[in-house]
């Protein structure tokens, strides 16, 4: 989901962060990783209560 891959060198594996979306008042769990060629960090968010995937807003 979100095209996220584990890091291999710096920030190995997946990293996790808890956050709150101040606009929607939803608690989020972010899964942080890298794009497929390991050049940019990416994140996917999930609603903590429901587990619903929340795509990144661009």
PDB file of N, CA and C in Angstrom:
ATOM      1  N   UNK A   1       0.838  -1.180   0.000  1.00  0.00           N
ATOM      2  CA  UNK A   1       0.000   0.000   0.000  1.00  0.00           C
ATOM      3  C   UNK A   1       0.884   1.244   0.000  1.00  0.00           C
ATOM      4  N   UNK A   2       0.623   2.149  -0.878  1.00  0.00           N
ATOM      5  CA  UNK A   2       1.383   3.391  -0.907  1.00  0.00           C
ATOM      6  C   UNK A   2       2.737   3.283  -1.577  1.00  0.00           C
ATOM      7  N   UNK A   3       3.092   2.107  -2.134  1.00  0.00           N
ATOM      8  CA  UNK A   3       4.375   1.961  -2.821  1.00  0.00           C
ATOM      9  C   UNK A   3       5.566   2.195  -1.927  1.00  0.00           C
ATOM     10  N   UNK A   4       5.520   1.661  -0.710  1.00  0.00           N
ATOM     11  CA  UNK A   4       6.592   1.887   0.263  1.00  0.00           C
ATOM     12  C   UNK A   4       7.437   0.619   0.389  1.00  0.00           C
ATOM     13  N   UNK A   5       8.751   0.815   0.381  1.00  0.00           N
ATOM     14  CA  UNK A   5       9.683  -0.292   0.500  1.00  0.00           C
ATOM     15  C   UNK A   5      10.597  -0.060   1.696  1.00  0.00           C
ATOM     16  N   UNK A   6      11.103  -1.137   2.322  1.00  0.00           N
ATOM     17  CA  UNK A   6      11.984  -0.954   3.480  1.00  0.00           C
ATOM     18  C   UNK A   6      13.316  -0.348   3.073  1.00  0.00           C
ATOM     19  N   UNK A   7      13.886   0.446   3.971  1.00  0.00           N
ATOM     20  CA  UNK A   7      15.197   1.026   3.735  1.00  0.00           C
ATOM     21  C   UNK A   7      16.282  -0.031   3.866  1.00  0.00           C
ATOM     22  N   UNK A   8      17.365   0.147   3.132  1.00  0.00           N
ATOM     23  CA  UNK A   8      18.456  -0.826   3.167  1.00  0.00           C
ATOM     24  C   UNK A   8      19.702  -0.290   3.858  1.00  0.00           C
ATOM     25  N   UNK A   9      19.949   1.000   3.745  1.00  0.00           N
ATOM     26  CA  UNK A   9      21.159   1.563   4.345  1.00  0.00           C
ATOM     27  C   UNK A   9      20.796   2.415   5.552  1.00  0.00           C
ATOM     28  N   UNK A  10      20.367   3.644   5.310  1.00  0.00           N
ATOM     29  CA  UNK A  10      19.970   4.548   6.383  1.00  0.00           C
ATOM     30  C   UNK A  10      18.494   4.304   6.681  1.00  0.00           C
ATOM     31  N   UNK A  11      18.084   4.320   7.932  1.00  0.00           N
ATOM     32  CA  UNK A  11      16.700   4.044   8.343  1.00  0.00           C
ATOM     33  C   UNK A  11      16.270   2.685   7.800  1.00  0.00           C
ATOM     34  N   UNK A  12      16.988   1.658   8.179  1.00  0.00           N
ATOM     35  CA  UNK A  12      16.717   0.301   7.693  1.00  0.00           C
ATOM     36  C   UNK A  12      15.313  -0.142   8.042  1.00  0.00           C
ATOM     37  N   UNK A  13      14.715  -0.921   7.171  1.00  0.00           N
ATOM     38  CA  UNK A  13      13.387  -1.469   7.392  1.00  0.00           C
ATOM     39  C   UNK A  13      12.318  -0.392   7.270  1.00  0.00           C
ATOM     40  N   UNK A  14      11.222  -0.603   7.976  1.00  0.00           N
ATOM     41  CA  UNK A  14      10.128   0.370   8.019  1.00  0.00           C
ATOM     42  C   UNK A  14      10.186   1.100   9.351  1.00  0.00           C
ATOM     43  N   UNK A  15       9.737   2.330   9.368  1.00  0.00           N
ATOM     44  CA  UNK A  15       9.677   3.111  10.598  1.00  0.00           C
ATOM     45  C   UNK A  15       8.233   3.532  10.812  1.00  0.00           C
ATOM     46  N   UNK A  16       7.860   3.769  12.053  1.00  0.00           N
ATOM     47  CA  UNK A  16       6.481   4.072  12.401  1.00  0.00           C
ATOM     48  C   UNK A  16       6.419   5.353  13.218  1.00  0.00           C
ATOM     49  N   UNK A  17       5.334   6.099  13.032  1.00  0.00           N
ATOM     50  CA  UNK A  17       5.154   7.344  13.766  1.00  0.00           C
ATOM     51  C   UNK A  17       3.672   7.513  14.087  1.00  0.00           C
ATOM     52  N   UNK A  18       3.367   7.926  15.293  1.00  0.00           N
ATOM     53  CA  UNK A  18       1.999   8.262  15.670  1.00  0.00           C
ATOM     54  C   UNK A  18       1.843   9.770  15.578  1.00  0.00           C
ATOM     55  N   UNK A  19       0.712  10.199  15.029  1.00  0.00           N
ATOM     56  CA  UNK A  19       0.476  11.615  14.795  1.00  0.00           C
ATOM     57  C   UNK A  19      -1.016  11.892  14.869  1.00  0.00           C
ATOM     58  N   UNK A  20      -1.370  13.157  14.903  1.00  0.00           N
ATOM     59  CA  UNK A  20      -2.778  13.544  14.894  1.00  0.00           C
ATOM     60  C   UNK A  20      -2.991  14.553  13.776  1.00  0.00           C
ATOM     61  N   UNK A  21      -3.959  14.282  12.914  1.00  0.00           N
ATOM     62  CA  UNK A  21      -4.320  15.220  11.856  1.00  0.00           C
ATOM     63  C   UNK A  21      -5.161  16.308  12.499  1.00  0.00           C
ATOM     64  N   UNK A  22      -4.617  17.502  12.586  1.00  0.00           N
ATOM     65  CA  UNK A  22      -5.308  18.583  13.292  1.00  0.00           C
ATOM     66  C   UNK A  22      -6.540  19.084  12.534  1.00  0.00           C
ATOM     67  N   UNK A  23      -6.586  18.877  11.219  1.00  0.00           N
ATOM     68  CA  UNK A  23      -7.749  19.321  10.444  1.00  0.00           C
ATOM     69  C   UNK A  23      -8.953  18.401  10.654  1.00  0.00           C
ATOM     70  N   UNK A  24      -8.702  17.079  10.697  1.00  0.00           N
ATOM     71  CA  UNK A  24      -9.806  16.116  10.838  1.00  0.00           C
ATOM     72  C   UNK A  24      -9.937  15.560  12.253  1.00  0.00           C
ATOM     73  N   UNK A  25      -8.961  15.855  13.115  1.00  0.00           N
ATOM     74  CA  UNK A  25      -8.940  15.364  14.494  1.00  0.00           C
ATOM     75  C   UNK A  25      -8.860  13.833  14.554  1.00  0.00           C
ATOM     76  N   UNK A  26      -8.167  13.227  13.587  1.00  0.00           N
ATOM     77  CA  UNK A  26      -8.010  11.778  13.531  1.00  0.00           C
ATOM     78  C   UNK A  26      -6.595  11.417  13.971  1.00  0.00           C
ATOM     79  N   UNK A  27      -6.482  10.408  14.853  1.00  0.00           N
ATOM     80  CA  UNK A  27      -5.172   9.886  15.241  1.00  0.00           C
ATOM     81  C   UNK A  27      -4.687   8.982  14.121  1.00  0.00           C
ATOM     82  N   UNK A  28      -3.422   9.162  13.730  1.00  0.00           N
ATOM     83  CA  UNK A  28      -2.856   8.426  12.610  1.00  0.00           C
ATOM     84  C   UNK A  28      -1.635   7.630  13.023  1.00  0.00           C
ATOM     85  N   UNK A  29      -1.441   6.490  12.358  1.00  0.00           N
ATOM     86  CA  UNK A  29      -0.183   5.765  12.425  1.00  0.00           C
ATOM     87  C   UNK A  29       0.413   5.864  11.034  1.00  0.00           C
ATOM     88  N   UNK A  30       1.620   6.393  10.938  1.00  0.00           N
ATOM     89  CA  UNK A  30       2.306   6.509   9.661  1.00  0.00           C
ATOM     90  C   UNK A  30       3.349   5.413   9.547  1.00  0.00           C
ATOM     91  N   UNK A  31       3.373   4.750   8.405  1.00  0.00           N
ATOM     92  CA  UNK A  31       4.415   3.780   8.088  1.00  0.00           C
ATOM     93  C   UNK A  31       5.339   4.482   7.104  1.00  0.00           C
ATOM     94  N   UNK A  32       6.594   4.602   7.473  1.00  0.00           N
ATOM     95  CA  UNK A  32       7.547   5.370   6.685  1.00  0.00           C
ATOM     96  C   UNK A  32       8.586   4.426   6.086  1.00  0.00           C
ATOM     97  N   UNK A  33       8.819   4.595   4.802  1.00  0.00           N
ATOM     98  CA  UNK A  33       9.805   3.777   4.094  1.00  0.00           C
ATOM     99  C   UNK A  33      10.379   4.578   2.943  1.00  0.00           C
ATOM    100  N   UNK A  34      10.688   3.894   1.860  1.00  0.00           N
ATOM    101  CA  UNK A  34      11.342   4.508   0.704  1.00  0.00           C
ATOM    102  C   UNK A  34      10.603   4.141  -0.573  1.00  0.00           C
ATOM    103  N   UNK A  35      10.866   4.906  -1.655  1.00  0.00           N
ATOM    104  CA  UNK A  35      10.333   4.524  -2.953  1.00  0.00           C
ATOM    105  C   UNK A  35      11.146   3.332  -3.468  1.00  0.00           C
ATOM    106  N   UNK A  36      10.762   2.787  -4.622  1.00  0.00           N
ATOM    107  CA  UNK A  36      11.380   1.544  -5.089  1.00  0.00           C
ATOM    108  C   UNK A  36      12.872   1.663  -5.402  1.00  0.00           C
ATOM    109  N   UNK A  37      13.340   2.845  -5.798  1.00  0.00           N
ATOM    110  CA  UNK A  37      14.775   2.970  -6.084  1.00  0.00           C
ATOM    111  C   UNK A  37      15.566   3.602  -4.935  1.00  0.00           C
ATOM    112  N   UNK A  38      14.956   3.677  -3.756  1.00  0.00           N
ATOM    113  CA  UNK A  38      15.626   4.112  -2.518  1.00  0.00           C
ATOM    114  C   UNK A  38      16.161   5.543  -2.587  1.00  0.00           C
ATOM    115  N   UNK A  39      15.440   6.451  -3.304  1.00  0.00           N
ATOM    116  CA  UNK A  39      15.912   7.822  -3.420  1.00  0.00           C
ATOM    117  C   UNK A  39      15.063   8.827  -2.645  1.00  0.00           C
ATOM    118  N   UNK A  40      13.818   8.487  -2.338  1.00  0.00           N
ATOM    119  CA  UNK A  40      12.936   9.406  -1.617  1.00  0.00           C
ATOM    120  C   UNK A  40      12.159   8.661  -0.546  1.00  0.00           C
ATOM    121  N   UNK A  41      12.032   9.285   0.619  1.00  0.00           N
ATOM    122  CA  UNK A  41      11.227   8.696   1.683  1.00  0.00           C
ATOM    123  C   UNK A  41       9.752   8.877   1.344  1.00  0.00           C
ATOM    124  N   UNK A  42       8.942   7.878   1.722  1.00  0.00           N
ATOM    125  CA  UNK A  42       7.499   7.909   1.486  1.00  0.00           C
ATOM    126  C   UNK A  42       6.796   7.473   2.771  1.00  0.00           C
ATOM    127  N   UNK A  43       5.520   7.835   2.891  1.00  0.00           N
ATOM    128  CA  UNK A  43       4.752   7.445   4.072  1.00  0.00           C
ATOM    129  C   UNK A  43       3.332   7.070   3.662  1.00  0.00           C
ATOM    130  N   UNK A  44       2.754   6.142   4.410  1.00  0.00           N
ATOM    131  CA  UNK A  44       1.350   5.782   4.253  1.00  0.00           C
ATOM    132  C   UNK A  44       0.705   5.943   5.616  1.00  0.00           C
ATOM    133  N   UNK A  45      -0.485   6.550   5.663  1.00  0.00           N
ATOM    134  CA  UNK A  45      -1.169   6.784   6.928  1.00  0.00           C
ATOM    135  C   UNK A  45      -2.345   5.859   7.120  1.00  0.00           C
ATOM    136  N   UNK A  46      -2.618   5.533   8.379  1.00  0.00           N
ATOM    137  CA  UNK A  46      -3.747   4.690   8.740  1.00  0.00           C
ATOM    138  C   UNK A  46      -4.462   5.292   9.937  1.00  0.00           C
ATOM    139  N   UNK A  47      -5.794   5.275   9.899  1.00  0.00           N
ATOM    140  CA  UNK A  47      -6.604   5.709  11.031  1.00  0.00           C
ATOM    141  C   UNK A  47      -6.364   4.719  12.166  1.00  0.00           C
ATOM    142  N   UNK A  48      -5.952   5.191  13.326  1.00  0.00           N
ATOM    143  CA  UNK A  48      -5.618   4.317  14.452  1.00  0.00           C
ATOM    144  C   UNK A  48      -6.835   3.519  14.924  1.00  0.00           C
ATOM    145  N   UNK A  49      -8.005   4.125  14.943  1.00  0.00           N
ATOM    146  CA  UNK A  49      -9.205   3.443  15.461  1.00  0.00           C
ATOM    147  C   UNK A  49      -9.771   2.420  14.490  1.00  0.00           C
ATOM    148  N   UNK A  50      -9.796   2.739  13.191  1.00  0.00           N
ATOM    149  CA  UNK A  50     -10.466   1.870  12.225  1.00  0.00           C
ATOM    150  C   UNK A  50      -9.518   1.043  11.377  1.00  0.00           C
ATOM    151  N   UNK A  51      -8.254   1.449  11.286  1.00  0.00           N
ATOM    152  CA  UNK A  51      -7.295   0.764  10.429  1.00  0.00           C
ATOM    153  C   UNK A  51      -7.406   1.181   8.970  1.00  0.00           C
ATOM    154  N   UNK A  52      -8.300   2.125   8.680  1.00  0.00           N
ATOM    155  CA  UNK A  52      -8.523   2.576   7.313  1.00  0.00           C
ATOM    156  C   UNK A  52      -7.272   3.253   6.757  1.00  0.00           C
ATOM    157  N   UNK A  53      -6.909   2.882   5.529  1.00  0.00           N
ATOM    158  CA  UNK A  53      -5.781   3.502   4.831  1.00  0.00           C
ATOM    159  C   UNK A  53      -6.172   4.925   4.444  1.00  0.00           C
ATOM    160  N   UNK A  54      -5.295   5.874   4.718  1.00  0.00           N
ATOM    161  CA  UNK A  54      -5.529   7.261   4.361  1.00  0.00           C
ATOM    162  C   UNK A  54      -4.428   7.666   3.399  1.00  0.00           C
ATOM    163  N   UNK A  55      -4.767   7.792   2.094  1.00  0.00           N
ATOM    164  CA  UNK A  55      -3.732   8.137   1.108  1.00  0.00           C
ATOM    165  C   UNK A  55      -3.149   9.517   1.377  1.00  0.00           C
ATOM    166  N   UNK A  56      -1.885   9.723   1.002  1.00  0.00           N
ATOM    167  CA  UNK A  56      -1.259  11.034   1.215  1.00  0.00           C
ATOM    168  C   UNK A  56      -1.962  12.109   0.396  1.00  0.00           C
ATOM    169  N   UNK A  57      -2.051  13.297   0.957  1.00  0.00           N
ATOM    170  CA  UNK A  57      -2.650  14.417   0.236  1.00  0.00           C
ATOM    171  C   UNK A  57      -1.538  15.204  -0.421  1.00  0.00           C
ATOM    172  N   UNK A  58      -1.684  15.419  -1.705  1.00  0.00           N
ATOM    173  CA  UNK A  58      -0.642  16.125  -2.461  1.00  0.00           C
ATOM    174  C   UNK A  58      -1.124  17.518  -2.796  1.00  0.00           C
TER     175      UNK A  58
END
